[in-house]
Amino acid sequence: MSSFNDLFQQETAQPVSQNYRPFDKEVWKQQKQEQRETVYSLIDDTAEALAQGSVLFQSYLDVQSRFDRYSVANALLILAQKPNATRIADFDTWKEQGIYIRKKESGFYILEPEEYQREDGTTGISYNPKKMFDIAQTGNNHNRETPSYPDERTRIKALMAHAPVPIRINDTLPEGVNALYRPEEREIQIQRGMNADNIFRSLSQELAHAEMDKGNGSYNRSDNAFHAYCVSYMLCKQYGVDTTGYRFDRAPLMLDGMEGQEIRAKLSVIREAAGEISGRMNRMLAQQRLQKRQEPER
């Protein structure tokens, strides 16, 4: 008969490695704090660098348009570390999807919100660095998604969906003006007979003005013209409209003399206006896709 007693014999204790160091919570906290400070410094340095040239500023808008749900701070971090990223996730998330990071690839950091309990029992939120990897750093590059855009008519209908102000045809707009938001009337007037891309570019810019106008009679169009221009560019990038005519030579002038935090505040205005418009568009497009799936086959 076999004996199983050996299964219960205690193994001889192995000598403790001389390289072993017990976990030191204070050292760990110090390392995390230093890491956090480095990341926040990178955010401010990158924001201030946007004032140095139009090319970098346009690259920021490209990143923010691809990662429209990410904060300005995280878009700046992606710009600084992985500007060509298209789809990012942490190591564990890629692994759960059966996708593995290639050897020798180094990650990059974004900030992730994390709830914590204060001493008084209330809940606070801290933002901690989290290492991410782009899909280009994985062994599954063939899984890159090819952008799919709605047709021209659907795209314009989505842009107009639930607009904050009425949109009307006007045949008497000044020469060279394709569309115009009028704060006094709280409406957008648009030129008749334009092609689809010109409609989208001009209408998205005026919708940005309408979005930023709080309706209290104090809206200054010239103060927000550059913001609206940037919003239009971002929406065009998101929905596949030609952007070759956009120029950002004014960016350094607009941001000149500002500190990182001030620049981030300006960028937040742009991101929020673009997000409101794209949010309405995405809801309309999602509803349309759902209706098509529910239609009976013929």
C-alpha atoms as a PDB file:
ATOM      1  CA  MET A   1       0.000   0.000   0.000  1.00  0.00           C
ATOM      2  CA  SER A   2       1.300   3.430  -0.890  1.00  0.00           C
ATOM      3  CA  SER A   3       2.198   5.812   1.883  1.00  0.00           C
ATOM      4  CA  PHE A   4       1.125   9.447   1.643  1.00  0.00           C
ATOM      5  CA  ASN A   5       2.827  10.564   4.811  1.00  0.00           C
ATOM      6  CA  ASP A   6       5.441  12.419   2.855  1.00  0.00           C
ATOM      7  CA  LEU A   7       2.791  14.896   1.749  1.00  0.00           C
ATOM      8  CA  PHE A   8       2.517  16.170   5.300  1.00  0.00           C
ATOM      9  CA  GLN A   9       6.180  16.509   6.090  1.00  0.00           C
ATOM     10  CA  GLN A  10       7.273  20.073   6.547  1.00  0.00           C
ATOM     11  CA  GLU A  11       9.898  21.248   4.127  1.00  0.00           C
ATOM     12  CA  THR A  12      13.208  22.314   5.519  1.00  0.00           C
ATOM     13  CA  ALA A  13      13.226  26.062   5.870  1.00  0.00           C
ATOM     14  CA  GLN A  14      15.240  27.731   3.162  1.00  0.00           C
ATOM     15  CA  PRO A  15      17.818  30.301   4.157  1.00  0.00           C
ATOM     16  CA  VAL A  16      16.622  33.862   3.663  1.00  0.00           C
ATOM     17  CA  SER A  17      18.217  35.487   0.643  1.00  0.00           C
ATOM     18  CA  GLN A  18      20.609  38.259   1.481  1.00  0.00           C
ATOM     19  CA  ASN A  19      18.891  40.353  -1.234  1.00  0.00           C
ATOM     20  CA  TYR A  20      15.507  40.096   0.461  1.00  0.00           C
ATOM     21  CA  ARG A  21      14.169  43.344   1.906  1.00  0.00           C
ATOM     22  CA  PRO A  22      10.916  43.531   3.871  1.00  0.00           C
ATOM     23  CA  PHE A  23       8.216  45.836   2.454  1.00  0.00           C
ATOM     24  CA  ASP A  24       8.712  49.364   3.731  1.00  0.00           C
ATOM     25  CA  LYS A  25       5.467  51.299   3.511  1.00  0.00           C
ATOM     26  CA  GLU A  26       7.123  54.667   4.066  1.00  0.00           C
ATOM     27  CA  VAL A  27       9.627  54.091   1.273  1.00  0.00           C
ATOM     28  CA  TRP A  28       6.769  52.989  -0.996  1.00  0.00           C
ATOM     29  CA  LYS A  29       4.780  56.141  -0.159  1.00  0.00           C
ATOM     30  CA  GLN A  30       7.819  58.303  -0.859  1.00  0.00           C
ATOM     31  CA  GLN A  31       8.361  56.646  -4.238  1.00  0.00           C
ATOM     32  CA  LYS A  32       4.711  57.146  -5.149  1.00  0.00           C
ATOM     33  CA  GLN A  33       4.872  60.803  -4.155  1.00  0.00           C
ATOM     34  CA  GLU A  34       7.977  61.371  -6.261  1.00  0.00           C
ATOM     35  CA  GLN A  35       6.331  59.622  -9.194  1.00  0.00           C
ATOM     36  CA  ARG A  36       3.226  61.801  -8.798  1.00  0.00           C
ATOM     37  CA  GLU A  37       5.314  64.983  -8.686  1.00  0.00           C
ATOM     38  CA  THR A  38       7.180  63.944 -11.835  1.00  0.00           C
ATOM     39  CA  VAL A  39       3.924  63.324 -13.698  1.00  0.00           C
ATOM     40  CA  TYR A  40       2.389  66.646 -12.623  1.00  0.00           C
ATOM     41  CA  SER A  41       5.559  68.493 -13.650  1.00  0.00           C
ATOM     42  CA  LEU A  42       5.365  66.828 -17.059  1.00  0.00           C
ATOM     43  CA  ILE A  43       1.766  68.026 -17.444  1.00  0.00           C
ATOM     44  CA  ASP A  44       2.690  71.655 -16.739  1.00  0.00           C
ATOM     45  CA  ASP A  45       5.862  71.542 -18.830  1.00  0.00           C
ATOM     46  CA  THR A  46       3.953  70.132 -21.799  1.00  0.00           C
ATOM     47  CA  ALA A  47       1.176  72.705 -21.438  1.00  0.00           C
ATOM     48  CA  GLU A  48       3.704  75.534 -21.425  1.00  0.00           C
ATOM     49  CA  ALA A  49       5.469  74.020 -24.440  1.00  0.00           C
ATOM     50  CA  LEU A  50       2.252  74.424 -26.446  1.00  0.00           C
ATOM     51  CA  ALA A  51       2.857  78.177 -26.387  1.00  0.00           C
ATOM     52  CA  GLN A  52       6.145  77.710 -28.224  1.00  0.00           C
ATOM     53  CA  GLY A  53       4.820  76.550 -31.572  1.00  0.00           C
ATOM     54  CA  SER A  54       1.763  75.796 -33.678  1.00  0.00           C
ATOM     55  CA  VAL A  55       2.845  72.277 -34.676  1.00  0.00           C
ATOM     56  CA  LEU A  56       2.884  70.975 -31.099  1.00  0.00           C
ATOM     57  CA  PHE A  57      -0.399  72.712 -30.356  1.00  0.00           C
ATOM     58  CA  GLN A  58      -2.043  71.020 -33.338  1.00  0.00           C
ATOM     59  CA  SER A  59      -0.601  67.680 -32.192  1.00  0.00           C
ATOM     60  CA  TYR A  60      -2.256  68.231 -28.818  1.00  0.00           C
ATOM     61  CA  LEU A  61      -5.628  68.779 -30.530  1.00  0.00           C
ATOM     62  CA  ASP A  62      -5.084  65.577 -32.499  1.00  0.00           C
ATOM     63  CA  VAL A  63      -4.464  63.628 -29.284  1.00  0.00           C
ATOM     64  CA  GLN A  64      -7.442  65.189 -27.494  1.00  0.00           C
ATOM     65  CA  SER A  65      -9.710  64.441 -30.470  1.00  0.00           C
ATOM     66  CA  ARG A  66      -8.695  60.754 -30.389  1.00  0.00           C
ATOM     67  CA  PHE A  67      -9.051  60.562 -26.602  1.00  0.00           C
ATOM     68  CA  ASP A  68     -12.028  62.877 -26.241  1.00  0.00           C
ATOM     69  CA  ARG A  69     -13.152  61.307 -22.955  1.00  0.00           C
ATOM     70  CA  TYR A  70      -9.764  61.839 -21.351  1.00  0.00           C
ATOM     71  CA  SER A  71      -9.017  64.936 -19.311  1.00  0.00           C
ATOM     72  CA  VAL A  72      -6.785  67.719 -20.593  1.00  0.00           C
ATOM     73  CA  ALA A  73      -4.083  66.577 -18.163  1.00  0.00           C
ATOM     74  CA  ASN A  74      -4.125  63.043 -19.540  1.00  0.00           C
ATOM     75  CA  ALA A  75      -4.159  64.256 -23.151  1.00  0.00           C
ATOM     76  CA  LEU A  76      -1.050  66.319 -22.351  1.00  0.00           C
ATOM     77  CA  LEU A  77       0.610  63.262 -20.797  1.00  0.00           C
ATOM     78  CA  ILE A  78      -0.136  61.163 -23.865  1.00  0.00           C
ATOM     79  CA  LEU A  79       1.179  63.947 -26.098  1.00  0.00           C
ATOM     80  CA  ALA A  80       4.430  64.101 -24.113  1.00  0.00           C
ATOM     81  CA  GLN A  81       5.033  60.353 -23.946  1.00  0.00           C
ATOM     82  CA  LYS A  82       3.149  58.585 -26.753  1.00  0.00           C
ATOM     83  CA  PRO A  83       1.750  61.187 -29.185  1.00  0.00           C
ATOM     84  CA  ASN A  84       0.791  58.637 -31.855  1.00  0.00           C
ATOM     85  CA  ALA A  85      -1.196  56.438 -29.477  1.00  0.00           C
ATOM     86  CA  THR A  86      -4.607  55.369 -30.734  1.00  0.00           C
ATOM     87  CA  ARG A  87      -5.891  52.852 -28.184  1.00  0.00           C
ATOM     88  CA  ILE A  88      -4.449  52.468 -24.713  1.00  0.00           C
ATOM     89  CA  ALA A  89      -4.948  50.230 -21.694  1.00  0.00           C
ATOM     90  CA  ASP A  90      -2.980  48.985 -18.723  1.00  0.00           C
ATOM     91  CA  PHE A  91      -1.107  45.680 -18.720  1.00  0.00           C
ATOM     92  CA  ASP A  92      -3.856  43.707 -16.967  1.00  0.00           C
ATOM     93  CA  THR A  93      -6.617  44.987 -19.266  1.00  0.00           C
ATOM     94  CA  TRP A  94      -4.675  43.972 -22.375  1.00  0.00           C
ATOM     95  CA  LYS A  95      -4.004  40.579 -20.795  1.00  0.00           C
ATOM     96  CA  GLU A  96      -7.706  40.041 -20.050  1.00  0.00           C
ATOM     97  CA  GLN A  97      -8.361  40.575 -23.763  1.00  0.00           C
ATOM     98  CA  GLY A  98      -5.758  37.980 -24.673  1.00  0.00           C
ATOM     99  CA  ILE A  99      -3.345  40.648 -25.891  1.00  0.00           C
ATOM    100  CA  TYR A 100       0.214  40.755 -24.616  1.00  0.00           C
ATOM    101  CA  ILE A 101       2.763  43.549 -24.490  1.00  0.00           C
ATOM    102  CA  ARG A 102       5.861  42.963 -26.596  1.00  0.00           C
ATOM    103  CA  LYS A 103       9.135  42.432 -24.757  1.00  0.00           C
ATOM    104  CA  LYS A 104      11.240  45.503 -23.970  1.00  0.00           C
ATOM    105  CA  GLU A 105       8.261  47.845 -24.443  1.00  0.00           C
ATOM    106  CA  SER A 106       8.113  50.543 -21.780  1.00  0.00           C
ATOM    107  CA  GLY A 107       4.819  51.994 -20.677  1.00  0.00           C
ATOM    108  CA  PHE A 108       3.785  55.589 -20.164  1.00  0.00           C
ATOM    109  CA  TYR A 109       1.762  57.236 -17.441  1.00  0.00           C
ATOM    110  CA  ILE A 110      -1.633  58.863 -17.200  1.00  0.00           C
ATOM    111  CA  LEU A 111      -3.539  59.907 -14.079  1.00  0.00           C
ATOM    112  CA  GLU A 112      -6.285  57.702 -12.732  1.00  0.00           C
ATOM    113  CA  PRO A 113      -8.861  58.889 -10.169  1.00  0.00           C
ATOM    114  CA  GLU A 114      -9.032  56.865  -6.989  1.00  0.00           C
ATOM    115  CA  GLU A 115     -11.435  57.282  -4.095  1.00  0.00           C
ATOM    116  CA  TYR A 116     -10.175  57.315  -0.533  1.00  0.00           C
ATOM    117  CA  GLN A 117     -11.643  57.783   2.928  1.00  0.00           C
ATOM    118  CA  ARG A 118     -10.780  60.989   4.772  1.00  0.00           C
ATOM    119  CA  GLU A 119     -10.317  61.021   8.535  1.00  0.00           C
ATOM    120  CA  ASP A 120     -13.719  62.692   8.967  1.00  0.00           C
ATOM    121  CA  GLY A 121     -15.414  59.844   7.087  1.00  0.00           C
ATOM    122  CA  THR A 122     -16.034  61.718   3.838  1.00  0.00           C
ATOM    123  CA  THR A 123     -14.863  60.423   0.481  1.00  0.00           C
ATOM    124  CA  GLY A 124     -12.107  62.185  -1.430  1.00  0.00           C
ATOM    125  CA  ILE A 125     -10.568  61.608  -4.851  1.00  0.00           C
ATOM    126  CA  SER A 126      -6.850  61.498  -5.549  1.00  0.00           C
ATOM    127  CA  TYR A 127      -5.210  61.186  -8.952  1.00  0.00           C
ATOM    128  CA  ASN A 128      -2.428  58.659  -9.149  1.00  0.00           C
ATOM    129  CA  PRO A 129      -0.084  57.719 -11.999  1.00  0.00           C
ATOM    130  CA  LYS A 130      -1.014  54.559 -13.868  1.00  0.00           C
ATOM    131  CA  LYS A 131       1.177  52.839 -16.452  1.00  0.00           C
ATOM    132  CA  MET A 132      -0.441  52.329 -19.847  1.00  0.00           C
ATOM    133  CA  PHE A 133       0.486  50.737 -23.176  1.00  0.00           C
ATOM    134  CA  ASP A 134      -0.670  51.594 -26.686  1.00  0.00           C
ATOM    135  CA  ILE A 135      -1.942  48.872 -29.001  1.00  0.00           C
ATOM    136  CA  ALA A 136       1.106  49.520 -31.179  1.00  0.00           C
ATOM    137  CA  GLN A 137       3.200  48.123 -28.296  1.00  0.00           C
ATOM    138  CA  THR A 138       1.349  44.810 -28.351  1.00  0.00           C
ATOM    139  CA  GLY A 139       1.730  41.776 -30.549  1.00  0.00           C
ATOM    140  CA  ASN A 140      -1.712  42.421 -32.010  1.00  0.00           C
ATOM    141  CA  ASN A 141      -1.152  45.313 -34.376  1.00  0.00           C
ATOM    142  CA  HIS A 142      -3.446  43.644 -36.877  1.00  0.00           C
ATOM    143  CA  ASN A 143      -6.267  44.390 -34.430  1.00  0.00           C
ATOM    144  CA  ARG A 144      -5.985  48.127 -35.048  1.00  0.00           C
ATOM    145  CA  GLU A 145      -9.433  49.461 -35.790  1.00  0.00           C
ATOM    146  CA  THR A 146      -9.960  51.212 -39.114  1.00  0.00           C
ATOM    147  CA  PRO A 147     -11.978  54.388 -38.457  1.00  0.00           C
ATOM    148  CA  SER A 148     -15.550  54.170 -39.689  1.00  0.00           C
ATOM    149  CA  TYR A 149     -17.329  57.451 -40.397  1.00  0.00           C
ATOM    150  CA  PRO A 150     -20.999  58.168 -41.122  1.00  0.00           C
ATOM    151  CA  ASP A 151     -21.991  59.334 -44.583  1.00  0.00           C
ATOM    152  CA  GLU A 152     -22.035  63.083 -45.269  1.00  0.00           C
ATOM    153  CA  ARG A 153     -25.769  63.599 -44.767  1.00  0.00           C
ATOM    154  CA  THR A 154     -25.901  61.579 -41.549  1.00  0.00           C
ATOM    155  CA  ARG A 155     -22.847  63.398 -40.224  1.00  0.00           C
ATOM    156  CA  ILE A 156     -24.468  66.815 -40.722  1.00  0.00           C
ATOM    157  CA  LYS A 157     -27.766  65.634 -39.224  1.00  0.00           C
ATOM    158  CA  ALA A 158     -25.869  64.374 -36.177  1.00  0.00           C
ATOM    159  CA  LEU A 159     -24.074  67.719 -35.862  1.00  0.00           C
ATOM    160  CA  MET A 160     -27.419  69.530 -35.871  1.00  0.00           C
ATOM    161  CA  ALA A 161     -29.142  67.093 -33.512  1.00  0.00           C
ATOM    162  CA  HIS A 162     -30.440  68.825 -30.372  1.00  0.00           C
ATOM    163  CA  ALA A 163     -28.417  71.965 -31.139  1.00  0.00           C
ATOM    164  CA  PRO A 164     -28.600  74.542 -28.318  1.00  0.00           C
ATOM    165  CA  VAL A 165     -29.945  77.201 -30.726  1.00  0.00           C
ATOM    166  CA  PRO A 166     -31.992  77.218 -33.966  1.00  0.00           C
ATOM    167  CA  ILE A 167     -30.109  76.891 -37.276  1.00  0.00           C
ATOM    168  CA  ARG A 168     -31.534  78.800 -40.251  1.00  0.00           C
ATOM    169  CA  ILE A 169     -30.650  79.371 -43.890  1.00  0.00           C
ATOM    170  CA  ASN A 170     -29.658  82.985 -44.641  1.00  0.00           C
ATOM    171  CA  ASP A 171     -28.890  84.148 -48.195  1.00  0.00           C
ATOM    172  CA  THR A 172     -27.620  87.564 -47.100  1.00  0.00           C
ATOM    173  CA  LEU A 173     -24.597  86.681 -44.982  1.00  0.00           C
ATOM    174  CA  PRO A 174     -21.506  88.813 -45.668  1.00  0.00           C
ATOM    175  CA  GLU A 175     -19.242  87.605 -48.462  1.00  0.00           C
ATOM    176  CA  GLY A 176     -16.857  84.910 -47.277  1.00  0.00           C
ATOM    177  CA  VAL A 177     -18.987  84.068 -44.224  1.00  0.00           C
ATOM    178  CA  ASN A 178     -20.367  80.549 -44.476  1.00  0.00           C
ATOM    179  CA  ALA A 179     -22.147  80.506 -41.120  1.00  0.00           C
ATOM    180  CA  LEU A 180     -22.585  82.900 -38.226  1.00  0.00           C
ATOM    181  CA  TYR A 181     -23.740  82.585 -34.645  1.00  0.00           C
ATOM    182  CA  ARG A 182     -25.638  85.690 -33.537  1.00  0.00           C
ATOM    183  CA  PRO A 183     -25.672  85.958 -29.723  1.00  0.00           C
ATOM    184  CA  GLU A 184     -28.371  88.654 -29.772  1.00  0.00           C
ATOM    185  CA  GLU A 185     -30.862  86.404 -31.565  1.00  0.00           C
ATOM    186  CA  ARG A 186     -29.430  83.199 -30.075  1.00  0.00           C
ATOM    187  CA  GLU A 187     -29.422  81.505 -33.461  1.00  0.00           C
ATOM    188  CA  ILE A 188     -27.023  80.298 -36.148  1.00  0.00           C
ATOM    189  CA  GLN A 189     -27.426  81.464 -39.730  1.00  0.00           C
ATOM    190  CA  ILE A 190     -25.863  79.425 -42.502  1.00  0.00           C
ATOM    191  CA  GLN A 191     -25.226  80.074 -46.177  1.00  0.00           C
ATOM    192  CA  ARG A 192     -27.224  78.116 -48.735  1.00  0.00           C
ATOM    193  CA  GLY A 193     -25.667  75.731 -51.250  1.00  0.00           C
ATOM    194  CA  MET A 194     -22.366  74.717 -49.631  1.00  0.00           C
ATOM    195  CA  ASN A 195     -20.848  71.256 -49.967  1.00  0.00           C
ATOM    196  CA  ALA A 196     -20.967  68.800 -47.081  1.00  0.00           C
ATOM    197  CA  ASP A 197     -17.455  69.403 -45.728  1.00  0.00           C
ATOM    198  CA  ASN A 198     -17.846  73.197 -45.755  1.00  0.00           C
ATOM    199  CA  ILE A 199     -21.170  72.872 -43.961  1.00  0.00           C
ATOM    200  CA  PHE A 200     -19.613  70.691 -41.261  1.00  0.00           C
ATOM    201  CA  ARG A 201     -16.553  72.902 -40.788  1.00  0.00           C
ATOM    202  CA  SER A 202     -18.454  76.197 -40.612  1.00  0.00           C
ATOM    203  CA  LEU A 203     -21.432  74.896 -38.644  1.00  0.00           C
ATOM    204  CA  SER A 204     -19.286  73.105 -36.044  1.00  0.00           C
ATOM    205  CA  GLN A 205     -17.400  76.340 -35.397  1.00  0.00           C
ATOM    206  CA  GLU A 206     -20.585  78.341 -34.867  1.00  0.00           C
ATOM    207  CA  LEU A 207     -22.088  75.621 -32.712  1.00  0.00           C
ATOM    208  CA  ALA A 208     -18.994  75.902 -30.519  1.00  0.00           C
ATOM    209  CA  HIS A 209     -19.752  79.613 -30.065  1.00  0.00           C
ATOM    210  CA  ALA A 210     -23.353  78.774 -29.151  1.00  0.00           C
ATOM    211  CA  GLU A 211     -22.137  76.123 -26.721  1.00  0.00           C
ATOM    212  CA  MET A 212     -19.778  78.517 -24.946  1.00  0.00           C
ATOM    213  CA  ASP A 213     -22.368  81.315 -24.732  1.00  0.00           C
ATOM    214  CA  LYS A 214     -24.019  81.098 -21.303  1.00  0.00           C
ATOM    215  CA  GLY A 215     -26.941  83.240 -22.491  1.00  0.00           C
ATOM    216  CA  ASN A 216     -26.449  86.059 -19.985  1.00  0.00           C
ATOM    217  CA  GLY A 217     -25.845  88.737 -22.627  1.00  0.00           C
ATOM    218  CA  SER A 218     -22.114  89.063 -21.977  1.00  0.00           C
ATOM    219  CA  TYR A 219     -20.787  86.744 -24.692  1.00  0.00           C
ATOM    220  CA  ASN A 220     -17.851  88.163 -26.628  1.00  0.00           C
ATOM    221  CA  ARG A 221     -17.333  86.415 -29.933  1.00  0.00           C
ATOM    222  CA  SER A 222     -13.798  87.660 -30.513  1.00  0.00           C
ATOM    223  CA  ASP A 223     -12.657  86.416 -27.091  1.00  0.00           C
ATOM    224  CA  ASN A 224     -13.788  82.908 -27.996  1.00  0.00           C
ATOM    225  CA  ALA A 225     -13.039  82.779 -31.717  1.00  0.00           C
ATOM    226  CA  PHE A 226      -9.860  80.746 -31.307  1.00  0.00           C
ATOM    227  CA  HIS A 227     -11.568  78.295 -28.943  1.00  0.00           C
ATOM    228  CA  ALA A 228     -14.378  77.737 -31.457  1.00  0.00           C
ATOM    229  CA  TYR A 229     -11.862  77.246 -34.264  1.00  0.00           C
ATOM    230  CA  CYS A 230     -10.101  74.547 -32.245  1.00  0.00           C
ATOM    231  CA  VAL A 231     -13.405  72.843 -31.431  1.00  0.00           C
ATOM    232  CA  SER A 232     -14.267  72.734 -35.134  1.00  0.00           C
ATOM    233  CA  TYR A 233     -10.902  71.176 -35.958  1.00  0.00           C
ATOM    234  CA  MET A 234     -11.291  68.503 -33.278  1.00  0.00           C
ATOM    235  CA  LEU A 235     -14.774  67.564 -34.459  1.00  0.00           C
ATOM    236  CA  CYS A 236     -13.579  67.334 -38.051  1.00  0.00           C
ATOM    237  CA  LYS A 237     -10.773  65.002 -36.960  1.00  0.00           C
ATOM    238  CA  GLN A 238     -13.224  62.833 -35.030  1.00  0.00           C
ATOM    239  CA  TYR A 239     -15.750  62.486 -37.831  1.00  0.00           C
ATOM    240  CA  GLY A 240     -13.529  62.253 -40.895  1.00  0.00           C
ATOM    241  CA  VAL A 241     -13.863  65.742 -42.385  1.00  0.00           C
ATOM    242  CA  ASP A 242     -10.887  67.217 -44.264  1.00  0.00           C
ATOM    243  CA  THR A 243      -8.772  69.495 -42.019  1.00  0.00           C
ATOM    244  CA  THR A 244      -6.013  70.588 -44.410  1.00  0.00           C
ATOM    245  CA  GLY A 245      -7.177  74.216 -44.328  1.00  0.00           C
ATOM    246  CA  TYR A 246      -6.788  74.656 -40.563  1.00  0.00           C
ATOM    247  CA  ARG A 247      -3.830  76.683 -39.302  1.00  0.00           C
ATOM    248  CA  PHE A 248      -2.744  77.269 -35.711  1.00  0.00           C
ATOM    249  CA  ASP A 249      -0.146  79.997 -36.097  1.00  0.00           C
ATOM    250  CA  ARG A 250      -2.117  82.080 -33.581  1.00  0.00           C
ATOM    251  CA  ALA A 251      -1.695  79.519 -30.816  1.00  0.00           C
ATOM    252  CA  PRO A 252       1.621  80.854 -29.462  1.00  0.00           C
ATOM    253  CA  LEU A 253       0.187  84.380 -29.395  1.00  0.00           C
ATOM    254  CA  MET A 254      -2.986  83.255 -27.615  1.00  0.00           C
ATOM    255  CA  LEU A 255      -1.021  81.373 -24.944  1.00  0.00           C
ATOM    256  CA  ASP A 256       1.935  83.723 -24.628  1.00  0.00           C
ATOM    257  CA  GLY A 257       2.905  84.510 -21.043  1.00  0.00           C
ATOM    258  CA  MET A 258       0.527  81.974 -19.505  1.00  0.00           C
ATOM    259  CA  GLU A 259       1.608  79.418 -16.932  1.00  0.00           C
ATOM    260  CA  GLY A 260       0.758  75.751 -17.292  1.00  0.00           C
ATOM    261  CA  GLN A 261      -2.363  75.910 -15.152  1.00  0.00           C
ATOM    262  CA  GLU A 262      -3.759  78.853 -17.128  1.00  0.00           C
ATOM    263  CA  ILE A 263      -3.134  77.077 -20.420  1.00  0.00           C
ATOM    264  CA  ARG A 264      -4.869  73.966 -19.115  1.00  0.00           C
ATOM    265  CA  ALA A 265      -7.897  76.091 -18.217  1.00  0.00           C
ATOM    266  CA  LYS A 266      -8.048  77.378 -21.823  1.00  0.00           C
ATOM    267  CA  LEU A 267      -7.741  73.849 -23.154  1.00  0.00           C
ATOM    268  CA  SER A 268     -10.524  72.704 -20.835  1.00  0.00           C
ATOM    269  CA  VAL A 269     -12.922  75.230 -22.378  1.00  0.00           C
ATOM    270  CA  ILE A 270     -12.140  73.792 -25.819  1.00  0.00           C
ATOM    271  CA  ARG A 271     -12.452  70.194 -24.647  1.00  0.00           C
ATOM    272  CA  GLU A 272     -15.756  70.764 -22.854  1.00  0.00           C
ATOM    273  CA  ALA A 273     -17.385  72.510 -25.826  1.00  0.00           C
ATOM    274  CA  ALA A 274     -16.191  69.809 -28.223  1.00  0.00           C
ATOM    275  CA  GLY A 275     -17.343  67.127 -25.787  1.00  0.00           C
ATOM    276  CA  GLU A 276     -20.862  68.553 -25.534  1.00  0.00           C
ATOM    277  CA  ILE A 277     -21.262  68.599 -29.302  1.00  0.00           C
ATOM    278  CA  SER A 278     -19.685  65.191 -29.948  1.00  0.00           C
ATOM    279  CA  GLY A 279     -21.744  63.730 -27.099  1.00  0.00           C
ATOM    280  CA  ARG A 280     -24.970  64.790 -28.814  1.00  0.00           C
ATOM    281  CA  MET A 281     -23.682  63.495 -32.136  1.00  0.00           C
ATOM    282  CA  ASN A 282     -22.716  60.113 -30.711  1.00  0.00           C
ATOM    283  CA  ARG A 283     -26.089  59.672 -29.029  1.00  0.00           C
ATOM    284  CA  MET A 284     -27.896  60.383 -32.293  1.00  0.00           C
ATOM    285  CA  LEU A 285     -25.608  58.059 -34.279  1.00  0.00           C
ATOM    286  CA  ALA A 286     -25.955  55.296 -31.673  1.00  0.00           C
ATOM    287  CA  GLN A 287     -29.748  55.607 -31.768  1.00  0.00           C
ATOM    288  CA  GLN A 288     -29.694  55.380 -35.559  1.00  0.00           C
ATOM    289  CA  ARG A 289     -27.531  52.243 -35.473  1.00  0.00           C
ATOM    290  CA  LEU A 290     -29.903  50.662 -32.950  1.00  0.00           C
ATOM    291  CA  GLN A 291     -32.924  51.415 -35.134  1.00  0.00           C
ATOM    292  CA  LYS A 292     -31.238  49.829 -38.145  1.00  0.00           C
ATOM    293  CA  ARG A 293     -30.496  46.654 -36.175  1.00  0.00           C
ATOM    294  CA  GLN A 294     -34.124  46.445 -35.077  1.00  0.00           C
ATOM    295  CA  GLU A 295     -35.526  46.849 -38.578  1.00  0.00           C
ATOM    296  CA  PRO A 296     -36.978  43.586 -39.923  1.00  0.00           C
ATOM    297  CA  GLU A 297     -35.124  41.986 -42.829  1.00  0.00           C
ATOM    298  CA  ARG A 298     -36.744  42.398 -46.226  1.00  0.00           C
END
